[in-house]
Amino acid sequence: MPRARKKADLPEKICAACGRPFSWRKKWRVDWNEVKTCSERCKRALRTRRRSA
């Protein structure tokens, strides 16, 4: 059985909405390249910002 990775070794991205860094999560394993926001709240905020602009 493979050893678990340390949280510090996981890839990170910068959230497009809030600008804070966020780490890889298991639920994003299939579409990590398409993930742009750290949370649903940031995703909603980004969507409303684009609609109003």
PDB file of N, CA and C in Angstrom:
ATOM      1  N   MET A   1       0.836  -1.177   0.000  1.00  0.00           N
ATOM      2  CA  MET A   1       0.000   0.000   0.000  1.00  0.00           C
ATOM      3  C   MET A   1       0.888   1.251   0.000  1.00  0.00           C
ATOM      4  N   PRO A   2       0.633   2.221  -0.923  1.00  0.00           N
ATOM      5  CA  PRO A   2       1.469   3.412  -1.001  1.00  0.00           C
ATOM      6  C   PRO A   2       1.270   4.326   0.203  1.00  0.00           C
ATOM      7  N   ARG A   3       2.324   5.033   0.533  1.00  0.00           N
ATOM      8  CA  ARG A   3       2.263   5.963   1.657  1.00  0.00           C
ATOM      9  C   ARG A   3       1.474   7.210   1.266  1.00  0.00           C
ATOM     10  N   ALA A   4       0.819   7.792   2.216  1.00  0.00           N
ATOM     11  CA  ALA A   4       0.059   9.020   1.989  1.00  0.00           C
ATOM     12  C   ALA A   4       1.019  10.194   1.793  1.00  0.00           C
ATOM     13  N   ARG A   5       0.599  11.154   0.994  1.00  0.00           N
ATOM     14  CA  ARG A   5       1.397  12.356   0.795  1.00  0.00           C
ATOM     15  C   ARG A   5       1.159  13.318   1.938  1.00  0.00           C
ATOM     16  N   LYS A   6       2.166  14.086   2.238  1.00  0.00           N
ATOM     17  CA  LYS A   6       2.008  15.130   3.235  1.00  0.00           C
ATOM     18  C   LYS A   6       1.268  16.300   2.598  1.00  0.00           C
ATOM     19  N   LYS A   7       0.504  17.005   3.384  1.00  0.00           N
ATOM     20  CA  LYS A   7      -0.276  18.114   2.864  1.00  0.00           C
ATOM     21  C   LYS A   7       0.614  19.183   2.221  1.00  0.00           C
ATOM     22  N   ALA A   8       1.797  19.349   2.745  1.00  0.00           N
ATOM     23  CA  ALA A   8       2.723  20.339   2.193  1.00  0.00           C
ATOM     24  C   ALA A   8       3.225  19.945   0.803  1.00  0.00           C
ATOM     25  N   ASP A   9       3.152  18.670   0.443  1.00  0.00           N
ATOM     26  CA  ASP A   9       3.622  18.196  -0.854  1.00  0.00           C
ATOM     27  C   ASP A   9       2.560  18.257  -1.945  1.00  0.00           C
ATOM     28  N   LEU A  10       1.327  18.613  -1.595  1.00  0.00           N
ATOM     29  CA  LEU A  10       0.248  18.676  -2.579  1.00  0.00           C
ATOM     30  C   LEU A  10       0.380  19.927  -3.438  1.00  0.00           C
ATOM     31  N   PRO A  11      -0.064  19.853  -4.698  1.00  0.00           N
ATOM     32  CA  PRO A  11       0.011  21.044  -5.558  1.00  0.00           C
ATOM     33  C   PRO A  11      -0.928  22.138  -5.067  1.00  0.00           C
ATOM     34  N   GLU A  12      -0.582  23.372  -5.373  1.00  0.00           N
ATOM     35  CA  GLU A  12      -1.384  24.527  -4.969  1.00  0.00           C
ATOM     36  C   GLU A  12      -1.699  25.399  -6.162  1.00  0.00           C
ATOM     37  N   LYS A  13      -2.787  26.165  -6.035  1.00  0.00           N
ATOM     38  CA  LYS A  13      -3.174  27.172  -7.021  1.00  0.00           C
ATOM     39  C   LYS A  13      -3.596  28.422  -6.265  1.00  0.00           C
ATOM     40  N   ILE A  14      -3.716  29.519  -6.983  1.00  0.00           N
ATOM     41  CA  ILE A  14      -4.218  30.768  -6.424  1.00  0.00           C
ATOM     42  C   ILE A  14      -5.658  30.938  -6.902  1.00  0.00           C
ATOM     43  N   CYS A  15      -6.553  31.220  -5.968  1.00  0.00           N
ATOM     44  CA  CYS A  15      -7.972  31.373  -6.277  1.00  0.00           C
ATOM     45  C   CYS A  15      -8.178  32.602  -7.166  1.00  0.00           C
ATOM     46  N   ALA A  16      -8.965  32.444  -8.237  1.00  0.00           N
ATOM     47  CA  ALA A  16      -9.228  33.544  -9.161  1.00  0.00           C
ATOM     48  C   ALA A  16     -10.133  34.601  -8.548  1.00  0.00           C
ATOM     49  N   ALA A  17     -10.896  34.251  -7.532  1.00  0.00           N
ATOM     50  CA  ALA A  17     -11.831  35.195  -6.924  1.00  0.00           C
ATOM     51  C   ALA A  17     -11.220  35.944  -5.745  1.00  0.00           C
ATOM     52  N   CYS A  18     -10.648  35.216  -4.786  1.00  0.00           N
ATOM     53  CA  CYS A  18     -10.171  35.864  -3.561  1.00  0.00           C
ATOM     54  C   CYS A  18      -8.657  36.051  -3.525  1.00  0.00           C
ATOM     55  N   GLY A  19      -7.917  35.372  -4.390  1.00  0.00           N
ATOM     56  CA  GLY A  19      -6.477  35.547  -4.459  1.00  0.00           C
ATOM     57  C   GLY A  19      -5.672  34.757  -3.446  1.00  0.00           C
ATOM     58  N   ARG A  20      -6.337  33.933  -2.636  1.00  0.00           N
ATOM     59  CA  ARG A  20      -5.630  33.118  -1.639  1.00  0.00           C
ATOM     60  C   ARG A  20      -5.224  31.775  -2.237  1.00  0.00           C
ATOM     61  N   PRO A  21      -4.137  31.199  -1.758  1.00  0.00           N
ATOM     62  CA  PRO A  21      -3.727  29.876  -2.247  1.00  0.00           C
ATOM     63  C   PRO A  21      -4.624  28.777  -1.685  1.00  0.00           C
ATOM     64  N   PHE A  22      -4.845  27.737  -2.503  1.00  0.00           N
ATOM     65  CA  PHE A  22      -5.584  26.572  -2.035  1.00  0.00           C
ATOM     66  C   PHE A  22      -4.922  25.317  -2.573  1.00  0.00           C
ATOM     67  N   SER A  23      -5.044  24.225  -1.819  1.00  0.00           N
ATOM     68  CA  SER A  23      -4.373  22.967  -2.141  1.00  0.00           C
ATOM     69  C   SER A  23      -5.298  21.998  -2.864  1.00  0.00           C
ATOM     70  N   TRP A  24      -4.674  21.038  -3.509  1.00  0.00           N
ATOM     71  CA  TRP A  24      -5.365  19.957  -4.195  1.00  0.00           C
ATOM     72  C   TRP A  24      -6.250  19.207  -3.225  1.00  0.00           C
ATOM     73  N   ARG A  25      -7.429  18.811  -3.687  1.00  0.00           N
ATOM     74  CA  ARG A  25      -8.333  17.990  -2.896  1.00  0.00           C
ATOM     75  C   ARG A  25      -8.702  16.756  -3.684  1.00  0.00           C
ATOM     76  N   LYS A  26      -8.963  15.680  -2.991  1.00  0.00           N
ATOM     77  CA  LYS A  26      -9.245  14.405  -3.650  1.00  0.00           C
ATOM     78  C   LYS A  26     -10.435  14.513  -4.606  1.00  0.00           C
ATOM     79  N   LYS A  27     -11.450  15.297  -4.265  1.00  0.00           N
ATOM     80  CA  LYS A  27     -12.618  15.408  -5.130  1.00  0.00           C
ATOM     81  C   LYS A  27     -12.291  16.128  -6.448  1.00  0.00           C
ATOM     82  N   TRP A  28     -11.152  16.820  -6.509  1.00  0.00           N
ATOM     83  CA  TRP A  28     -10.737  17.503  -7.733  1.00  0.00           C
ATOM     84  C   TRP A  28      -9.752  16.684  -8.552  1.00  0.00           C
ATOM     85  N   ARG A  29      -9.510  15.436  -8.220  1.00  0.00           N
ATOM     86  CA  ARG A  29      -8.456  14.656  -8.877  1.00  0.00           C
ATOM     87  C   ARG A  29      -8.674  14.520 -10.378  1.00  0.00           C
ATOM     88  N   VAL A  30      -9.921  14.449 -10.826  1.00  0.00           N
ATOM     89  CA  VAL A  30     -10.210  14.263 -12.248  1.00  0.00           C
ATOM     90  C   VAL A  30     -10.058  15.568 -13.027  1.00  0.00           C
ATOM     91  N   ASP A  31     -10.480  16.680 -12.451  1.00  0.00           N
ATOM     92  CA  ASP A  31     -10.484  17.944 -13.196  1.00  0.00           C
ATOM     93  C   ASP A  31      -9.673  19.061 -12.527  1.00  0.00           C
ATOM     94  N   TRP A  32      -8.550  18.714 -11.933  1.00  0.00           N
ATOM     95  CA  TRP A  32      -7.703  19.701 -11.249  1.00  0.00           C
ATOM     96  C   TRP A  32      -7.281  20.831 -12.180  1.00  0.00           C
ATOM     97  N   ASN A  33      -7.059  20.534 -13.451  1.00  0.00           N
ATOM     98  CA  ASN A  33      -6.625  21.572 -14.394  1.00  0.00           C
ATOM     99  C   ASN A  33      -7.704  22.621 -14.641  1.00  0.00           C
ATOM    100  N   GLU A  34      -8.973  22.260 -14.465  1.00  0.00           N
ATOM    101  CA  GLU A  34     -10.069  23.196 -14.703  1.00  0.00           C
ATOM    102  C   GLU A  34     -10.483  23.968 -13.452  1.00  0.00           C
ATOM    103  N   VAL A  35     -10.041  23.553 -12.277  1.00  0.00           N
ATOM    104  CA  VAL A  35     -10.431  24.210 -11.023  1.00  0.00           C
ATOM    105  C   VAL A  35      -9.758  25.581 -10.952  1.00  0.00           C
ATOM    106  N   LYS A  36     -10.589  26.621 -10.715  1.00  0.00           N
ATOM    107  CA  LYS A  36     -10.064  27.983 -10.674  1.00  0.00           C
ATOM    108  C   LYS A  36     -10.337  28.684  -9.346  1.00  0.00           C
ATOM    109  N   THR A  37     -11.307  28.174  -8.576  1.00  0.00           N
ATOM    110  CA  THR A  37     -11.665  28.817  -7.320  1.00  0.00           C
ATOM    111  C   THR A  37     -11.534  27.841  -6.156  1.00  0.00           C
ATOM    112  N   CYS A  38     -11.373  28.388  -4.964  1.00  0.00           N
ATOM    113  CA  CYS A  38     -11.139  27.553  -3.787  1.00  0.00           C
ATOM    114  C   CYS A  38     -12.425  27.028  -3.164  1.00  0.00           C
ATOM    115  N   SER A  39     -13.557  27.651  -3.459  1.00  0.00           N
ATOM    116  CA  SER A  39     -14.807  27.242  -2.811  1.00  0.00           C
ATOM    117  C   SER A  39     -16.000  27.603  -3.688  1.00  0.00           C
ATOM    118  N   GLU A  40     -17.162  27.093  -3.296  1.00  0.00           N
ATOM    119  CA  GLU A  40     -18.401  27.441  -3.998  1.00  0.00           C
ATOM    120  C   GLU A  40     -18.703  28.930  -3.828  1.00  0.00           C
ATOM    121  N   ARG A  41     -18.402  29.463  -2.669  1.00  0.00           N
ATOM    122  CA  ARG A  41     -18.637  30.886  -2.423  1.00  0.00           C
ATOM    123  C   ARG A  41     -17.832  31.745  -3.392  1.00  0.00           C
ATOM    124  N   CYS A  42     -16.568  31.401  -3.584  1.00  0.00           N
ATOM    125  CA  CYS A  42     -15.725  32.159  -4.526  1.00  0.00           C
ATOM    126  C   CYS A  42     -16.203  31.964  -5.960  1.00  0.00           C
ATOM    127  N   LYS A  43     -16.655  30.771  -6.284  1.00  0.00           N
ATOM    128  CA  LYS A  43     -17.173  30.502  -7.632  1.00  0.00           C
ATOM    129  C   LYS A  43     -18.386  31.376  -7.913  1.00  0.00           C
ATOM    130  N   ARG A  44     -19.299  31.485  -6.929  1.00  0.00           N
ATOM    131  CA  ARG A  44     -20.481  32.336  -7.066  1.00  0.00           C
ATOM    132  C   ARG A  44     -20.092  33.797  -7.213  1.00  0.00           C
ATOM    133  N   ALA A  45     -19.141  34.242  -6.403  1.00  0.00           N
ATOM    134  CA  ALA A  45     -18.693  35.636  -6.451  1.00  0.00           C
ATOM    135  C   ALA A  45     -18.067  35.968  -7.809  1.00  0.00           C
ATOM    136  N   LEU A  46     -17.290  35.063  -8.335  1.00  0.00           N
ATOM    137  CA  LEU A  46     -16.652  35.271  -9.638  1.00  0.00           C
ATOM    138  C   LEU A  46     -17.704  35.343 -10.738  1.00  0.00           C
ATOM    139  N   ARG A  47     -18.711  34.475 -10.646  1.00  0.00           N
ATOM    140  CA  ARG A  47     -19.787  34.456 -11.633  1.00  0.00           C
ATOM    141  C   ARG A  47     -20.576  35.750 -11.618  1.00  0.00           C
ATOM    142  N   THR A  48     -20.920  36.248 -10.435  1.00  0.00           N
ATOM    143  CA  THR A  48     -21.688  37.502 -10.354  1.00  0.00           C
ATOM    144  C   THR A  48     -20.851  38.688 -10.800  1.00  0.00           C
ATOM    145  N   ARG A  49     -19.553  38.659 -10.508  1.00  0.00           N
ATOM    146  CA  ARG A  49     -18.671  39.735 -10.952  1.00  0.00           C
ATOM    147  C   ARG A  49     -18.600  39.783 -12.481  1.00  0.00           C
ATOM    148  N   ARG A  50     -18.554  38.622 -13.123  1.00  0.00           N
ATOM    149  CA  ARG A  50     -18.492  38.585 -14.587  1.00  0.00           C
ATOM    150  C   ARG A  50     -19.789  39.042 -15.222  1.00  0.00           C
ATOM    151  N   ARG A  51     -20.933  38.718 -14.601  1.00  0.00           N
ATOM    152  CA  ARG A  51     -22.238  39.124 -15.139  1.00  0.00           C
ATOM    153  C   ARG A  51     -22.414  40.629 -15.067  1.00  0.00           C
ATOM    154  N   SER A  52     -21.969  41.243 -13.989  1.00  0.00           N
ATOM    155  CA  SER A  52     -22.166  42.684 -13.816  1.00  0.00           C
ATOM    156  C   SER A  52     -21.197  43.513 -14.657  1.00  0.00           C
ATOM    157  N   ALA A  53     -20.107  42.933 -15.051  1.00  0.00           N
ATOM    158  CA  ALA A  53     -19.104  43.680 -15.832  1.00  0.00           C
ATOM    159  C   ALA A  53     -19.403  43.699 -17.313  1.00  0.00           C
TER     160      ALA A  53
END
